[in-house]
Amino acid sequence: MPTALVRHPSPRLADGIVTHIERSPVDADLAVRQWQRYVDALEATGWTTVEVLAIDECPDSVFIEDTMVVYGDLAVIARAGAEERRPEAAAAEQTVAAQGYRITHITEPGTLDGGDILKIGSTVYAGLGGRTNEEGIRQLAEALEPLGATVHAVPVRKVLHLKSAVTALPDGTVIGYEPLVDDPQAFEAFKPVPEESGSHVVLLGADRLLMAASAPKSTELFEQLGYTPVVVDISEFEKLEGCVTCLSVRLRR
């Protein structure tokens, strides 16, 4: 049974870092309800969720995907590009280790956020931008290539993370809102979507796609392609540049 690591939102969520959008008020109580519905959606589609110890002093800690990159039986623990987010990794490391994963780390001077990593089979795209640097990508490649992965660096300048701009459908096609994708030609197959939040899907299995309620046109497009969207409202996290991928770490081995 697939497992997803999740982490309860901090009561300081509204103080989270905002980089590429204007700050707007965050309803912390609504965010908690939305987070619970996100967890419920995972569990309703056959996923087991494991909650990582909350870290209330870190406003962005709900975005747990940034703490690691998991490939095969190896978890590469990230070194966040934003220094204030680095304390988020310790409890996440303990939790994934308890799931039976081997551990390695991105070390100084490397920086890497999990949200900058898009895995499609054995191909791993790494976003080189504000949060992930060349040394972080070099260390990631050093860790993953012995497992059969090929790591490709791609530019990220228009959004916070690579997966703020693109994710991938089950057939490997990369999807993105073209005005926010630095180089669509960097990907073997690219399909534009009509909304920014339509760029973000989590593959749940059986052609089901977890995606945001803020992308109705993209939802319709994916239905036409034969997929089954599972829609959740994550409006309060979108105010902090979050998306459906950010709120969990999916363990599929």
Protein backbone atom coordinates (compact mmCIF):
# COMPACT_ATOMS: atom_id res chain seq x y z
CA MET A 1 0.00 0.00 0.00
CA PRO A 2 1.50 3.40 -0.93
CA THR A 3 2.36 5.73 1.92
CA ALA A 4 2.45 9.52 2.14
CA LEU A 5 4.23 11.57 4.76
CA VAL A 6 2.29 14.65 5.87
CA ARG A 7 2.73 17.34 8.52
CA HIS A 8 0.10 19.39 10.31
CA PRO A 9 0.14 23.14 9.51
CA SER A 10 1.94 25.42 11.92
CA PRO A 11 -0.18 27.98 13.77
CA ARG A 12 2.25 30.50 12.26
CA LEU A 13 1.36 29.45 8.70
CA ALA A 14 0.38 33.00 7.72
CA ASP A 15 4.01 34.08 8.32
CA GLY A 16 5.32 31.72 5.62
CA ILE A 17 7.78 32.94 3.01
CA VAL A 18 6.32 34.55 -0.11
CA THR A 19 8.68 35.14 -3.03
CA HIS A 20 6.97 35.45 -6.40
CA ILE A 21 3.44 36.61 -5.48
CA GLU A 22 1.90 39.37 -3.38
CA ARG A 23 1.21 38.45 0.24
CA SER A 24 -2.49 38.09 1.11
CA PRO A 25 -4.23 37.20 4.38
CA VAL A 26 -4.25 33.50 5.29
CA ASP A 27 -7.09 31.96 7.27
CA ALA A 28 -5.20 29.53 9.53
CA ASP A 29 -8.33 27.71 10.71
CA LEU A 30 -9.52 27.17 7.14
CA ALA A 31 -6.04 25.97 6.21
CA VAL A 32 -6.23 23.25 8.87
CA ARG A 33 -9.60 22.09 7.52
CA GLN A 34 -8.25 22.09 3.97
CA TRP A 35 -5.19 20.14 5.06
CA GLN A 36 -7.40 17.51 6.71
CA ARG A 37 -9.47 17.17 3.54
CA TYR A 38 -6.23 16.74 1.57
CA VAL A 39 -5.20 13.93 3.93
CA ASP A 40 -8.69 12.43 3.67
CA ALA A 41 -8.44 12.45 -0.13
CA LEU A 42 -5.18 10.51 -0.01
CA GLU A 43 -6.63 7.94 2.38
CA ALA A 44 -9.86 7.60 0.39
CA THR A 45 -7.83 6.63 -2.68
CA GLY A 46 -5.87 3.89 -0.94
CA TRP A 47 -2.93 5.72 0.59
CA THR A 48 -1.69 5.31 4.13
CA THR A 49 -0.67 8.62 5.67
CA VAL A 50 2.07 8.96 8.27
CA GLU A 51 2.19 12.23 10.16
CA VAL A 52 5.61 13.75 10.76
CA LEU A 53 6.05 15.54 14.09
CA ALA A 54 4.77 19.10 13.74
CA ILE A 55 7.20 21.97 14.11
CA ASP A 56 5.11 24.96 15.08
CA GLU A 57 7.95 27.48 15.03
CA CYS A 58 8.47 26.94 11.29
CA PRO A 59 5.62 28.58 9.32
CA ASP A 60 6.33 26.69 6.08
CA SER A 61 6.73 23.26 7.66
CA VAL A 62 3.44 21.93 6.24
CA PHE A 63 5.18 21.93 2.83
CA ILE A 64 6.93 18.71 3.76
CA GLU A 65 7.87 17.72 0.21
CA ASP A 66 10.77 20.17 0.41
CA THR A 67 12.53 18.16 3.13
CA MET A 68 13.66 15.24 0.95
CA VAL A 69 13.87 13.46 -2.39
CA VAL A 70 12.96 9.77 -2.34
CA TYR A 71 14.18 7.41 -5.08
CA GLY A 72 13.98 3.64 -4.74
CA ASP A 73 14.96 2.78 -1.18
CA LEU A 74 16.97 5.97 -0.67
CA ALA A 75 15.84 9.23 0.92
CA VAL A 76 18.07 12.20 0.16
CA ILE A 77 17.51 14.68 2.97
CA ALA A 78 17.46 18.20 1.60
CA ARG A 79 19.33 21.28 2.77
CA ALA A 80 16.77 24.04 2.29
CA GLY A 81 17.62 27.03 0.16
CA ALA A 82 15.90 29.25 2.74
CA GLU A 83 18.01 28.98 5.90
CA GLU A 84 15.03 29.45 8.22
CA ARG A 85 13.48 26.26 6.81
CA ARG A 86 16.41 23.97 7.58
CA PRO A 87 15.08 22.85 11.01
CA GLU A 88 12.14 21.21 9.21
CA ALA A 89 14.26 18.30 7.95
CA ALA A 90 15.22 16.48 11.17
CA ALA A 91 11.85 15.00 12.14
CA ALA A 92 11.08 14.22 8.49
CA GLU A 93 14.35 12.28 8.27
CA GLN A 94 13.50 10.28 11.39
CA THR A 95 10.07 9.43 10.00
CA VAL A 96 11.24 8.26 6.59
CA ALA A 97 14.05 6.26 8.17
CA ALA A 98 11.44 4.52 10.33
CA GLN A 99 9.70 3.50 7.09
CA GLY A 100 12.82 1.53 6.16
CA TYR A 101 14.57 3.95 3.81
CA ARG A 102 18.31 4.43 3.60
CA ILE A 103 19.40 8.00 4.29
CA THR A 104 21.90 10.38 2.75
CA HIS A 105 22.14 14.17 2.94
CA ILE A 106 22.72 17.26 0.85
CA THR A 107 25.57 19.03 2.62
CA GLU A 108 27.04 22.54 2.64
CA PRO A 109 27.55 24.39 0.30
CA GLY A 110 24.80 22.53 -1.53
CA THR A 111 21.20 23.65 -1.24
CA LEU A 112 18.21 21.72 -2.49
CA ASP A 113 14.44 21.79 -1.93
CA GLY A 114 12.38 18.70 -2.71
CA GLY A 115 9.89 20.85 -4.59
CA ASP A 116 12.57 21.43 -7.23
CA ILE A 117 12.72 17.74 -8.16
CA LEU A 118 10.45 16.09 -10.75
CA LYS A 119 10.88 12.33 -11.22
CA ILE A 120 9.62 10.60 -14.37
CA GLY A 121 10.72 6.99 -14.32
CA SER A 122 14.51 7.00 -14.17
CA THR A 123 14.72 10.61 -15.39
CA VAL A 124 15.06 13.22 -12.66
CA TYR A 125 14.65 16.90 -13.49
CA ALA A 126 16.20 19.28 -10.95
CA GLY A 127 15.22 22.93 -10.90
CA LEU A 128 18.21 25.25 -10.72
CA GLY A 129 17.00 28.51 -9.24
CA GLY A 130 16.45 30.45 -6.05
CA ARG A 131 16.28 27.49 -3.65
CA THR A 132 18.41 24.78 -5.29
CA ASN A 133 21.98 25.43 -6.44
CA GLU A 134 24.42 23.65 -8.74
CA GLU A 135 26.22 21.93 -5.87
CA GLY A 136 22.94 20.59 -4.50
CA ILE A 137 22.10 19.12 -7.90
CA ARG A 138 25.60 17.65 -8.21
CA GLN A 139 25.22 15.92 -4.85
CA LEU A 140 21.76 14.66 -5.79
CA ALA A 141 23.12 13.15 -9.00
CA GLU A 142 25.97 11.54 -7.06
CA ALA A 143 23.40 9.89 -4.77
CA LEU A 144 20.86 8.81 -7.41
CA GLU A 145 22.90 7.83 -10.45
CA PRO A 146 24.20 4.60 -8.84
CA LEU A 147 20.51 3.63 -8.54
CA GLY A 148 19.99 4.07 -12.29
CA ALA A 149 18.68 7.63 -12.36
CA THR A 150 19.75 10.34 -14.79
CA VAL A 151 19.61 13.86 -13.34
CA HIS A 152 19.04 16.87 -15.60
CA ALA A 153 19.25 20.47 -14.36
CA VAL A 154 16.61 22.83 -15.77
CA PRO A 155 16.23 26.57 -15.12
CA VAL A 156 13.69 27.94 -12.62
CA ARG A 157 13.41 31.72 -12.52
CA LYS A 158 9.72 32.55 -12.86
CA VAL A 159 8.34 30.57 -9.90
CA LEU A 160 9.46 29.31 -6.49
CA HIS A 161 10.19 25.67 -7.36
CA LEU A 162 10.32 23.52 -10.47
CA LYS A 163 7.08 21.81 -9.42
CA SER A 164 5.47 25.23 -9.05
CA ALA A 165 5.79 25.32 -12.84
CA VAL A 166 5.50 21.70 -14.00
CA THR A 167 4.52 18.20 -12.94
CA ALA A 168 3.85 15.12 -15.08
CA LEU A 169 0.94 12.94 -16.11
CA PRO A 170 1.07 9.15 -15.67
CA ASP A 171 2.27 8.70 -19.27
CA GLY A 172 5.30 10.91 -18.56
CA THR A 173 4.04 14.03 -20.36
CA VAL A 174 5.17 17.14 -18.50
CA ILE A 175 2.38 19.66 -17.96
CA GLY A 176 2.72 23.35 -17.21
CA TYR A 177 1.21 26.79 -17.57
CA GLU A 178 3.47 28.01 -20.35
CA PRO A 179 3.99 31.65 -19.24
CA LEU A 180 5.62 30.34 -16.04
CA VAL A 181 7.79 27.60 -17.59
CA ASP A 182 11.31 28.80 -18.31
CA ASP A 183 12.12 26.22 -20.99
CA PRO A 184 9.36 23.85 -22.18
CA GLN A 185 11.89 22.34 -24.61
CA ALA A 186 13.87 20.98 -21.65
CA PHE A 187 11.36 18.15 -21.37
CA GLU A 188 10.95 15.21 -23.72
CA ALA A 189 7.18 15.79 -23.99
CA PHE A 190 5.39 18.95 -22.84
CA LYS A 191 1.68 19.80 -22.80
CA PRO A 192 0.45 23.29 -21.84
CA VAL A 193 -2.48 23.67 -19.45
CA PRO A 194 -4.85 26.66 -19.24
CA GLU A 195 -4.29 27.59 -15.57
CA GLU A 196 -1.27 27.99 -13.32
CA SER A 197 -2.63 25.61 -10.68
CA GLY A 198 -3.50 23.11 -13.41
CA SER A 199 0.24 22.49 -13.65
CA HIS A 200 0.19 20.63 -10.34
CA VAL A 201 -0.95 17.02 -10.07
CA VAL A 202 -0.16 14.19 -7.69
CA LEU A 203 -0.36 10.73 -9.24
CA LEU A 204 -2.61 8.63 -7.01
CA GLY A 205 -2.63 5.47 -9.14
CA ALA A 206 -5.32 4.04 -11.43
CA ASP A 207 -5.14 7.20 -13.60
CA ARG A 208 -6.35 9.35 -10.70
CA LEU A 209 -4.87 12.83 -10.36
CA LEU A 210 -5.00 14.82 -7.13
CA MET A 211 -5.34 18.48 -8.11
CA ALA A 212 -6.53 21.87 -6.90
CA ALA A 213 -10.08 23.18 -7.09
CA SER A 214 -8.70 26.43 -8.54
CA ALA A 215 -8.06 24.76 -11.93
CA PRO A 216 -11.50 23.82 -13.37
CA LYS A 217 -10.43 24.18 -17.01
CA SER A 218 -7.45 21.91 -16.46
CA THR A 219 -9.68 19.45 -14.62
CA GLU A 220 -11.90 19.28 -17.71
CA LEU A 221 -8.86 18.84 -19.96
CA PHE A 222 -7.58 15.90 -17.92
CA GLU A 223 -11.02 14.28 -17.91
CA GLN A 224 -11.03 14.53 -21.71
CA LEU A 225 -7.66 12.77 -21.72
CA GLY A 226 -9.15 9.87 -19.78
CA TYR A 227 -7.90 10.70 -16.30
CA THR A 228 -9.97 10.94 -13.10
CA PRO A 229 -9.27 14.14 -11.18
CA VAL A 230 -9.58 14.07 -7.39
CA VAL A 231 -10.15 17.72 -6.55
CA VAL A 232 -9.27 19.43 -3.25
CA ASP A 233 -9.49 23.07 -2.22
CA ILE A 234 -6.07 24.31 -1.04
CA SER A 235 -6.67 28.05 -1.44
CA GLU A 236 -4.91 29.03 1.81
CA PHE A 237 -1.75 27.18 0.83
CA GLU A 238 -1.80 28.66 -2.67
CA LYS A 239 -1.52 32.09 -1.00
CA LEU A 240 1.93 30.93 0.15
CA GLU A 241 3.02 29.50 -3.23
CA GLY A 242 2.02 26.00 -2.15
CA CYS A 243 0.36 23.36 -4.31
CA VAL A 244 -0.89 19.78 -4.03
CA THR A 245 2.56 18.28 -4.45
CA CYS A 246 4.08 20.33 -1.59
CA LEU A 247 1.83 18.93 1.12
CA SER A 248 3.10 15.35 1.14
CA VAL A 249 6.03 13.08 0.38
CA ARG A 250 4.84 10.07 -1.59
CA LEU A 251 6.56 6.75 -0.85
CA ARG A 252 5.86 4.24 -3.62
CA ARG A 253 8.47 1.47 -3.47
